[in-house]
Amino acid sequence: MQSDLLDLKNLGNTSINWLHTIGINSQEELQKKGPVAAYLEIKQRGIRVSKVLLYALHGALTDTNWNDLDTETKESLVKQAEKSMDLA
């Protein structure tokens, strides 16, 4: 399936396939769901992913390489994910 996700930074075939498994097929759909929710939904599918995917999804939406994200942004993303997992 061809989509504009291929044009985003940080996303390769594997991560795009993971997004497709949770129903995200476009940048707009990823933006609507948000990187934290998408990351958590992928994890809930039993797919073993690291925090790098969380950073990569955020970076894809902000046109930033994931390893160029500042420490504060990374920490904020992790805290949001942890808080969401606690609420589930």
PDB file of N, CA and C in Angstrom:
ATOM      1  N   MET A   1       0.846  -1.182   0.000  1.00  0.00           N
ATOM      2  CA  MET A   1       0.000   0.000   0.000  1.00  0.00           C
ATOM      3  C   MET A   1       0.889   1.242   0.000  1.00  0.00           C
ATOM      4  N   GLN A   2       0.730   2.056  -0.986  1.00  0.00           N
ATOM      5  CA  GLN A   2       1.501   3.295  -1.110  1.00  0.00           C
ATOM      6  C   GLN A   2       0.833   4.379  -0.265  1.00  0.00           C
ATOM      7  N   SER A   3       1.623   5.127   0.477  1.00  0.00           N
ATOM      8  CA  SER A   3       1.046   6.205   1.269  1.00  0.00           C
ATOM      9  C   SER A   3       2.079   7.308   1.452  1.00  0.00           C
ATOM     10  N   ASP A   4       1.598   8.450   1.932  1.00  0.00           N
ATOM     11  CA  ASP A   4       2.516   9.561   2.172  1.00  0.00           C
ATOM     12  C   ASP A   4       3.388   9.330   3.404  1.00  0.00           C
ATOM     13  N   LEU A   5       3.145   8.255   4.137  1.00  0.00           N
ATOM     14  CA  LEU A   5       3.992   7.940   5.277  1.00  0.00           C
ATOM     15  C   LEU A   5       5.436   7.709   4.849  1.00  0.00           C
ATOM     16  N   LEU A   6       5.612   7.205   3.636  1.00  0.00           N
ATOM     17  CA  LEU A   6       6.960   6.958   3.117  1.00  0.00           C
ATOM     18  C   LEU A   6       7.772   8.236   2.973  1.00  0.00           C
ATOM     19  N   ASP A   7       7.101   9.358   2.864  1.00  0.00           N
ATOM     20  CA  ASP A   7       7.781  10.639   2.692  1.00  0.00           C
ATOM     21  C   ASP A   7       8.238  11.252   4.013  1.00  0.00           C
ATOM     22  N   LEU A   8       7.797  10.668   5.131  1.00  0.00           N
ATOM     23  CA  LEU A   8       8.119  11.238   6.438  1.00  0.00           C
ATOM     24  C   LEU A   8       9.476  10.757   6.935  1.00  0.00           C
ATOM     25  N   LYS A   9      10.161  11.621   7.664  1.00  0.00           N
ATOM     26  CA  LYS A   9      11.439  11.245   8.285  1.00  0.00           C
ATOM     27  C   LYS A   9      11.199  10.116   9.271  1.00  0.00           C
ATOM     28  N   ASN A  10      12.206   9.302   9.433  1.00  0.00           N
ATOM     29  CA  ASN A  10      12.261   8.256  10.463  1.00  0.00           C
ATOM     30  C   ASN A  10      11.456   7.005  10.164  1.00  0.00           C
ATOM     31  N   LEU A  11      10.574   7.033   9.181  1.00  0.00           N
ATOM     32  CA  LEU A  11       9.703   5.892   8.944  1.00  0.00           C
ATOM     33  C   LEU A  11      10.193   5.066   7.770  1.00  0.00           C
ATOM     34  N   GLY A  12      10.386   3.782   8.026  1.00  0.00           N
ATOM     35  CA  GLY A  12      10.760   2.840   6.987  1.00  0.00           C
ATOM     36  C   GLY A  12       9.642   1.840   6.787  1.00  0.00           C
ATOM     37  N   ASN A  13       9.899   0.847   5.980  1.00  0.00           N
ATOM     38  CA  ASN A  13       8.858  -0.133   5.661  1.00  0.00           C
ATOM     39  C   ASN A  13       8.311  -0.839   6.893  1.00  0.00           C
ATOM     40  N   THR A  14       9.169  -1.202   7.823  1.00  0.00           N
ATOM     41  CA  THR A  14       8.709  -1.926   9.009  1.00  0.00           C
ATOM     42  C   THR A  14       7.797  -1.061   9.865  1.00  0.00           C
ATOM     43  N   SER A  15       8.224   0.149  10.168  1.00  0.00           N
ATOM     44  CA  SER A  15       7.390   1.008  11.015  1.00  0.00           C
ATOM     45  C   SER A  15       6.094   1.381  10.296  1.00  0.00           C
ATOM     46  N   ILE A  16       6.144   1.542   8.998  1.00  0.00           N
ATOM     47  CA  ILE A  16       4.920   1.838   8.243  1.00  0.00           C
ATOM     48  C   ILE A  16       3.978   0.637   8.281  1.00  0.00           C
ATOM     49  N   ASN A  17       4.519  -0.558   8.179  1.00  0.00           N
ATOM     50  CA  ASN A  17       3.671  -1.748   8.291  1.00  0.00           C
ATOM     51  C   ASN A  17       3.021  -1.831   9.666  1.00  0.00           C
ATOM     52  N   TRP A  18       3.772  -1.479  10.710  1.00  0.00           N
ATOM     53  CA  TRP A  18       3.188  -1.452  12.056  1.00  0.00           C
ATOM     54  C   TRP A  18       2.052  -0.438  12.125  1.00  0.00           C
ATOM     55  N   LEU A  19       2.253   0.726  11.521  1.00  0.00           N
ATOM     56  CA  LEU A  19       1.190   1.737  11.506  1.00  0.00           C
ATOM     57  C   LEU A  19      -0.030   1.219  10.753  1.00  0.00           C
ATOM     58  N   HIS A  20       0.201   0.536   9.658  1.00  0.00           N
ATOM     59  CA  HIS A  20      -0.925  -0.019   8.897  1.00  0.00           C
ATOM     60  C   HIS A  20      -1.718  -1.020   9.735  1.00  0.00           C
ATOM     61  N   THR A  21      -1.036  -1.796  10.576  1.00  0.00           N
ATOM     62  CA  THR A  21      -1.746  -2.788  11.396  1.00  0.00           C
ATOM     63  C   THR A  21      -2.698  -2.144  12.390  1.00  0.00           C
ATOM     64  N   ILE A  22      -2.447  -0.883  12.721  1.00  0.00           N
ATOM     65  CA  ILE A  22      -3.364  -0.192  13.651  1.00  0.00           C
ATOM     66  C   ILE A  22      -4.266   0.793  12.911  1.00  0.00           C
ATOM     67  N   GLY A  23      -4.300   0.675  11.589  1.00  0.00           N
ATOM     68  CA  GLY A  23      -5.233   1.478  10.802  1.00  0.00           C
ATOM     69  C   GLY A  23      -4.751   2.853  10.409  1.00  0.00           C
ATOM     70  N   ILE A  24      -3.463   3.101  10.554  1.00  0.00           N
ATOM     71  CA  ILE A  24      -2.918   4.401  10.151  1.00  0.00           C
ATOM     72  C   ILE A  24      -2.264   4.229   8.791  1.00  0.00           C
ATOM     73  N   ASN A  25      -2.811   4.920   7.799  1.00  0.00           N
ATOM     74  CA  ASN A  25      -2.331   4.783   6.428  1.00  0.00           C
ATOM     75  C   ASN A  25      -1.891   6.101   5.807  1.00  0.00           C
ATOM     76  N   SER A  26      -1.897   7.169   6.599  1.00  0.00           N
ATOM     77  CA  SER A  26      -1.510   8.471   6.056  1.00  0.00           C
ATOM     78  C   SER A  26      -0.948   9.351   7.171  1.00  0.00           C
ATOM     79  N   GLN A  27      -0.259  10.405   6.757  1.00  0.00           N
ATOM     80  CA  GLN A  27       0.272  11.371   7.719  1.00  0.00           C
ATOM     81  C   GLN A  27      -0.874  11.994   8.515  1.00  0.00           C
ATOM     82  N   GLU A  28      -1.957  12.292   7.842  1.00  0.00           N
ATOM     83  CA  GLU A  28      -3.107  12.903   8.523  1.00  0.00           C
ATOM     84  C   GLU A  28      -3.649  11.987   9.619  1.00  0.00           C
ATOM     85  N   GLU A  29      -3.735  10.694   9.333  1.00  0.00           N
ATOM     86  CA  GLU A  29      -4.232   9.753  10.340  1.00  0.00           C
ATOM     87  C   GLU A  29      -3.266   9.639  11.512  1.00  0.00           C
ATOM     88  N   LEU A  30      -1.964   9.679  11.224  1.00  0.00           N
ATOM     89  CA  LEU A  30      -0.973   9.646  12.300  1.00  0.00           C
ATOM     90  C   LEU A  30      -1.075  10.916  13.139  1.00  0.00           C
ATOM     91  N   GLN A  31      -1.264  12.047  12.488  1.00  0.00           N
ATOM     92  CA  GLN A  31      -1.401  13.317  13.209  1.00  0.00           C
ATOM     93  C   GLN A  31      -2.631  13.278  14.117  1.00  0.00           C
ATOM     94  N   LYS A  32      -3.744  12.749  13.605  1.00  0.00           N
ATOM     95  CA  LYS A  32      -4.974  12.689  14.408  1.00  0.00           C
ATOM     96  C   LYS A  32      -4.811  11.793  15.626  1.00  0.00           C
ATOM     97  N   LYS A  33      -4.180  10.638  15.442  1.00  0.00           N
ATOM     98  CA  LYS A  33      -4.004   9.707  16.563  1.00  0.00           C
ATOM     99  C   LYS A  33      -2.948  10.210  17.524  1.00  0.00           C
ATOM    100  N   GLY A  34      -1.891  10.780  16.976  1.00  0.00           N
ATOM    101  CA  GLY A  34      -0.788  11.261  17.798  1.00  0.00           C
ATOM    102  C   GLY A  34       0.261  10.171  17.981  1.00  0.00           C
ATOM    103  N   PRO A  35       1.513  10.591  18.154  1.00  0.00           N
ATOM    104  CA  PRO A  35       2.597   9.616  18.245  1.00  0.00           C
ATOM    105  C   PRO A  35       2.515   8.718  19.476  1.00  0.00           C
ATOM    106  N   VAL A  36       2.089   9.259  20.604  1.00  0.00           N
ATOM    107  CA  VAL A  36       2.032   8.464  21.829  1.00  0.00           C
ATOM    108  C   VAL A  36       0.962   7.380  21.703  1.00  0.00           C
ATOM    109  N   ALA A  37      -0.221   7.749  21.268  1.00  0.00           N
ATOM    110  CA  ALA A  37      -1.303   6.769  21.128  1.00  0.00           C
ATOM    111  C   ALA A  37      -0.958   5.715  20.085  1.00  0.00           C
ATOM    112  N   ALA A  38      -0.346   6.130  18.979  1.00  0.00           N
ATOM    113  CA  ALA A  38       0.037   5.165  17.946  1.00  0.00           C
ATOM    114  C   ALA A  38       1.081   4.194  18.498  1.00  0.00           C
ATOM    115  N   TYR A  39       2.071   4.708  19.181  1.00  0.00           N
ATOM    116  CA  TYR A  39       3.112   3.880  19.791  1.00  0.00           C
ATOM    117  C   TYR A  39       2.499   2.861  20.748  1.00  0.00           C
ATOM    118  N   LEU A  40       1.623   3.316  21.615  1.00  0.00           N
ATOM    119  CA  LEU A  40       1.014   2.414  22.597  1.00  0.00           C
ATOM    120  C   LEU A  40       0.141   1.363  21.926  1.00  0.00           C
ATOM    121  N   GLU A  41      -0.573   1.755  20.897  1.00  0.00           N
ATOM    122  CA  GLU A  41      -1.427   0.799  20.194  1.00  0.00           C
ATOM    123  C   GLU A  41      -0.589  -0.275  19.496  1.00  0.00           C
ATOM    124  N   ILE A  42       0.539   0.116  18.943  1.00  0.00           N
ATOM    125  CA  ILE A  42       1.445  -0.863  18.324  1.00  0.00           C
ATOM    126  C   ILE A  42       1.953  -1.823  19.391  1.00  0.00           C
ATOM    127  N   LYS A  43       2.359  -1.298  20.543  1.00  0.00           N
ATOM    128  CA  LYS A  43       2.833  -2.151  21.645  1.00  0.00           C
ATOM    129  C   LYS A  43       1.738  -3.099  22.118  1.00  0.00           C
ATOM    130  N   GLN A  44       0.499  -2.611  22.162  1.00  0.00           N
ATOM    131  CA  GLN A  44      -0.613  -3.442  22.621  1.00  0.00           C
ATOM    132  C   GLN A  44      -0.892  -4.604  21.676  1.00  0.00           C
ATOM    133  N   ARG A  45      -0.448  -4.484  20.448  1.00  0.00           N
ATOM    134  CA  ARG A  45      -0.590  -5.575  19.472  1.00  0.00           C
ATOM    135  C   ARG A  45       0.437  -6.675  19.714  1.00  0.00           C
ATOM    136  N   GLY A  46       1.291  -6.488  20.706  1.00  0.00           N
ATOM    137  CA  GLY A  46       2.305  -7.480  21.010  1.00  0.00           C
ATOM    138  C   GLY A  46       3.571  -7.326  20.183  1.00  0.00           C
ATOM    139  N   ILE A  47       3.678  -6.224  19.484  1.00  0.00           N
ATOM    140  CA  ILE A  47       4.871  -5.950  18.686  1.00  0.00           C
ATOM    141  C   ILE A  47       5.919  -5.360  19.621  1.00  0.00           C
ATOM    142  N   ARG A  48       7.089  -5.972  19.642  1.00  0.00           N
ATOM    143  CA  ARG A  48       8.152  -5.511  20.533  1.00  0.00           C
ATOM    144  C   ARG A  48       8.857  -4.322  19.898  1.00  0.00           C
ATOM    145  N   VAL A  49       8.637  -3.176  20.475  1.00  0.00           N
ATOM    146  CA  VAL A  49       9.253  -1.944  19.976  1.00  0.00           C
ATOM    147  C   VAL A  49       9.928  -1.225  21.142  1.00  0.00           C
ATOM    148  N   SER A  50      10.894  -0.409  20.807  1.00  0.00           N
ATOM    149  CA  SER A  50      11.588   0.377  21.824  1.00  0.00           C
ATOM    150  C   SER A  50      11.057   1.813  21.805  1.00  0.00           C
ATOM    151  N   LYS A  51      11.565   2.591  22.724  1.00  0.00           N
ATOM    152  CA  LYS A  51      11.186   4.004  22.793  1.00  0.00           C
ATOM    153  C   LYS A  51      11.591   4.757  21.532  1.00  0.00           C
ATOM    154  N   VAL A  52      12.543   4.207  20.796  1.00  0.00           N
ATOM    155  CA  VAL A  52      12.978   4.863  19.563  1.00  0.00           C
ATOM    156  C   VAL A  52      11.800   5.017  18.607  1.00  0.00           C
ATOM    157  N   LEU A  53      10.895   4.044  18.582  1.00  0.00           N
ATOM    158  CA  LEU A  53       9.722   4.184  17.715  1.00  0.00           C
ATOM    159  C   LEU A  53       8.887   5.384  18.146  1.00  0.00           C
ATOM    160  N   LEU A  54       8.723   5.573  19.422  1.00  0.00           N
ATOM    161  CA  LEU A  54       7.982   6.730  19.933  1.00  0.00           C
ATOM    162  C   LEU A  54       8.640   8.026  19.466  1.00  0.00           C
ATOM    163  N   TYR A  55       9.946   8.099  19.592  1.00  0.00           N
ATOM    164  CA  TYR A  55      10.671   9.287  19.146  1.00  0.00           C
ATOM    165  C   TYR A  55      10.556   9.459  17.636  1.00  0.00           C
ATOM    166  N   ALA A  56      10.639   8.339  16.921  1.00  0.00           N
ATOM    167  CA  ALA A  56      10.570   8.385  15.452  1.00  0.00           C
ATOM    168  C   ALA A  56       9.214   8.887  14.983  1.00  0.00           C
ATOM    169  N   LEU A  57       8.143   8.446  15.633  1.00  0.00           N
ATOM    170  CA  LEU A  57       6.798   8.884  15.248  1.00  0.00           C
ATOM    171  C   LEU A  57       6.639  10.385  15.494  1.00  0.00           C
ATOM    172  N   HIS A  58       7.121  10.838  16.639  1.00  0.00           N
ATOM    173  CA  HIS A  58       7.070  12.275  16.923  1.00  0.00           C
ATOM    174  C   HIS A  58       7.887  13.047  15.894  1.00  0.00           C
ATOM    175  N   GLY A  59       9.082  12.559  15.634  1.00  0.00           N
ATOM    176  CA  GLY A  59       9.950  13.213  14.662  1.00  0.00           C
ATOM    177  C   GLY A  59       9.360  13.220  13.260  1.00  0.00           C
ATOM    178  N   ALA A  60       8.641  12.163  12.924  1.00  0.00           N
ATOM    179  CA  ALA A  60       7.999  12.100  11.602  1.00  0.00           C
ATOM    180  C   ALA A  60       6.997  13.240  11.442  1.00  0.00           C
ATOM    181  N   LEU A  61       6.306  13.556  12.527  1.00  0.00           N
ATOM    182  CA  LEU A  61       5.289  14.612  12.461  1.00  0.00           C
ATOM    183  C   LEU A  61       5.876  16.014  12.584  1.00  0.00           C
ATOM    184  N   THR A  62       7.090  16.105  13.098  1.00  0.00           N
ATOM    185  CA  THR A  62       7.721  17.419  13.260  1.00  0.00           C
ATOM    186  C   THR A  62       8.878  17.619  12.282  1.00  0.00           C
ATOM    187  N   ASP A  63       9.037  16.676  11.370  1.00  0.00           N
ATOM    188  CA  ASP A  63      10.097  16.728  10.353  1.00  0.00           C
ATOM    189  C   ASP A  63      11.477  16.843  11.001  1.00  0.00           C
ATOM    190  N   THR A  64      11.695  15.998  12.017  1.00  0.00           N
ATOM    191  CA  THR A  64      12.937  15.990  12.774  1.00  0.00           C
ATOM    192  C   THR A  64      13.462  14.560  12.866  1.00  0.00           C
ATOM    193  N   ASN A  65      14.749  14.382  12.638  1.00  0.00           N
ATOM    194  CA  ASN A  65      15.324  13.064  12.878  1.00  0.00           C
ATOM    195  C   ASN A  65      15.182  12.739  14.357  1.00  0.00           C
ATOM    196  N   TRP A  66      14.793  11.508  14.659  1.00  0.00           N
ATOM    197  CA  TRP A  66      14.496  11.152  16.053  1.00  0.00           C
ATOM    198  C   TRP A  66      15.686  11.386  16.969  1.00  0.00           C
ATOM    199  N   ASN A  67      16.901  11.154  16.483  1.00  0.00           N
ATOM    200  CA  ASN A  67      18.063  11.327  17.356  1.00  0.00           C
ATOM    201  C   ASN A  67      18.452  12.793  17.530  1.00  0.00           C
ATOM    202  N   ASP A  68      17.783  13.691  16.835  1.00  0.00           N
ATOM    203  CA  ASP A  68      18.010  15.126  17.018  1.00  0.00           C
ATOM    204  C   ASP A  68      17.021  15.743  18.011  1.00  0.00           C
ATOM    205  N   LEU A  69      16.083  14.953  18.508  1.00  0.00           N
ATOM    206  CA  LEU A  69      15.131  15.473  19.497  1.00  0.00           C
ATOM    207  C   LEU A  69      15.879  15.762  20.787  1.00  0.00           C
ATOM    208  N   ASP A  70      15.516  16.849  21.437  1.00  0.00           N
ATOM    209  CA  ASP A  70      16.195  17.174  22.692  1.00  0.00           C
ATOM    210  C   ASP A  70      15.712  16.255  23.813  1.00  0.00           C
ATOM    211  N   THR A  71      16.495  16.207  24.862  1.00  0.00           N
ATOM    212  CA  THR A  71      16.212  15.317  25.986  1.00  0.00           C
ATOM    213  C   THR A  71      14.856  15.616  26.609  1.00  0.00           C
ATOM    214  N   GLU A  72      14.502  16.872  26.715  1.00  0.00           N
ATOM    215  CA  GLU A  72      13.216  17.251  27.312  1.00  0.00           C
ATOM    216  C   GLU A  72      12.047  16.684  26.510  1.00  0.00           C
ATOM    217  N   THR A  73      12.144  16.757  25.195  1.00  0.00           N
ATOM    218  CA  THR A  73      11.080  16.230  24.344  1.00  0.00           C
ATOM    219  C   THR A  73      10.964  14.725  24.518  1.00  0.00           C
ATOM    220  N   LYS A  74      12.092  14.038  24.513  1.00  0.00           N
ATOM    221  CA  LYS A  74      12.079  12.577  24.687  1.00  0.00           C
ATOM    222  C   LYS A  74      11.481  12.204  26.035  1.00  0.00           C
ATOM    223  N   GLU A  75      11.891  12.898  27.087  1.00  0.00           N
ATOM    224  CA  GLU A  75      11.362  12.615  28.422  1.00  0.00           C
ATOM    225  C   GLU A  75       9.861  12.879  28.492  1.00  0.00           C
ATOM    226  N   SER A  76       9.418  13.937  27.862  1.00  0.00           N
ATOM    227  CA  SER A  76       7.994  14.263  27.843  1.00  0.00           C
ATOM    228  C   SER A  76       7.194  13.178  27.133  1.00  0.00           C
ATOM    229  N   LEU A  77       7.696  12.705  26.004  1.00  0.00           N
ATOM    230  CA  LEU A  77       7.007  11.641  25.270  1.00  0.00           C
ATOM    231  C   LEU A  77       6.905  10.372  26.112  1.00  0.00           C
ATOM    232  N   VAL A  78       7.983  10.012  26.781  1.00  0.00           N
ATOM    233  CA  VAL A  78       7.981   8.805  27.618  1.00  0.00           C
ATOM    234  C   VAL A  78       6.996   8.969  28.771  1.00  0.00           C
ATOM    235  N   LYS A  79       6.981  10.134  29.400  1.00  0.00           N
ATOM    236  CA  LYS A  79       6.055  10.379  30.509  1.00  0.00           C
ATOM    237  C   LYS A  79       4.600  10.292  30.037  1.00  0.00           C
ATOM    238  N   GLN A  80       4.325  10.849  28.859  1.00  0.00           N
ATOM    239  CA  GLN A  80       2.966  10.762  28.313  1.00  0.00           C
ATOM    240  C   GLN A  80       2.576   9.305  28.077  1.00  0.00           C
ATOM    241  N   ALA A  81       3.491   8.524  27.542  1.00  0.00           N
ATOM    242  CA  ALA A  81       3.213   7.108  27.271  1.00  0.00           C
ATOM    243  C   ALA A  81       2.987   6.355  28.580  1.00  0.00           C
ATOM    244  N   GLU A  82       3.835   6.603  29.566  1.00  0.00           N
ATOM    245  CA  GLU A  82       3.693   5.927  30.862  1.00  0.00           C
ATOM    246  C   GLU A  82       2.378   6.297  31.532  1.00  0.00           C
ATOM    247  N   LYS A  83       2.010   7.566  31.467  1.00  0.00           N
ATOM    248  CA  LYS A  83       0.754   8.019  32.063  1.00  0.00           C
ATOM    249  C   LYS A  83      -0.429   7.344  31.378  1.00  0.00           C
ATOM    250  N   SER A  84      -0.384   7.265  30.065  1.00  0.00           N
ATOM    251  CA  SER A  84      -1.460   6.619  29.311  1.00  0.00           C
ATOM    252  C   SER A  84      -1.550   5.133  29.644  1.00  0.00           C
ATOM    253  N   MET A  85      -0.409   4.479  29.835  1.00  0.00           N
ATOM    254  CA  MET A  85      -0.425   3.055  30.199  1.00  0.00           C
ATOM    255  C   MET A  85      -1.011   2.865  31.589  1.00  0.00           C
ATOM    256  N   ASP A  86      -0.730   3.791  32.506  1.00  0.00           N
ATOM    257  CA  ASP A  86      -1.273   3.712  33.859  1.00  0.00           C
ATOM    258  C   ASP A  86      -2.790   3.886  33.854  1.00  0.00           C
ATOM    259  N   LEU A  87      -3.311   4.672  32.932  1.00  0.00           N
ATOM    260  CA  LEU A  87      -4.743   4.924  32.859  1.00  0.00           C
ATOM    261  C   LEU A  87      -5.498   3.764  32.205  1.00  0.00           C
ATOM    262  N   ALA A  88      -4.778   2.948  31.452  1.00  0.00           N
ATOM    263  CA  ALA A  88      -5.433   1.856  30.715  1.00  0.00           C
ATOM    264  C   ALA A  88      -5.836   0.729  31.636  1.00  0.00           C
TER     265      ALA A  88
END
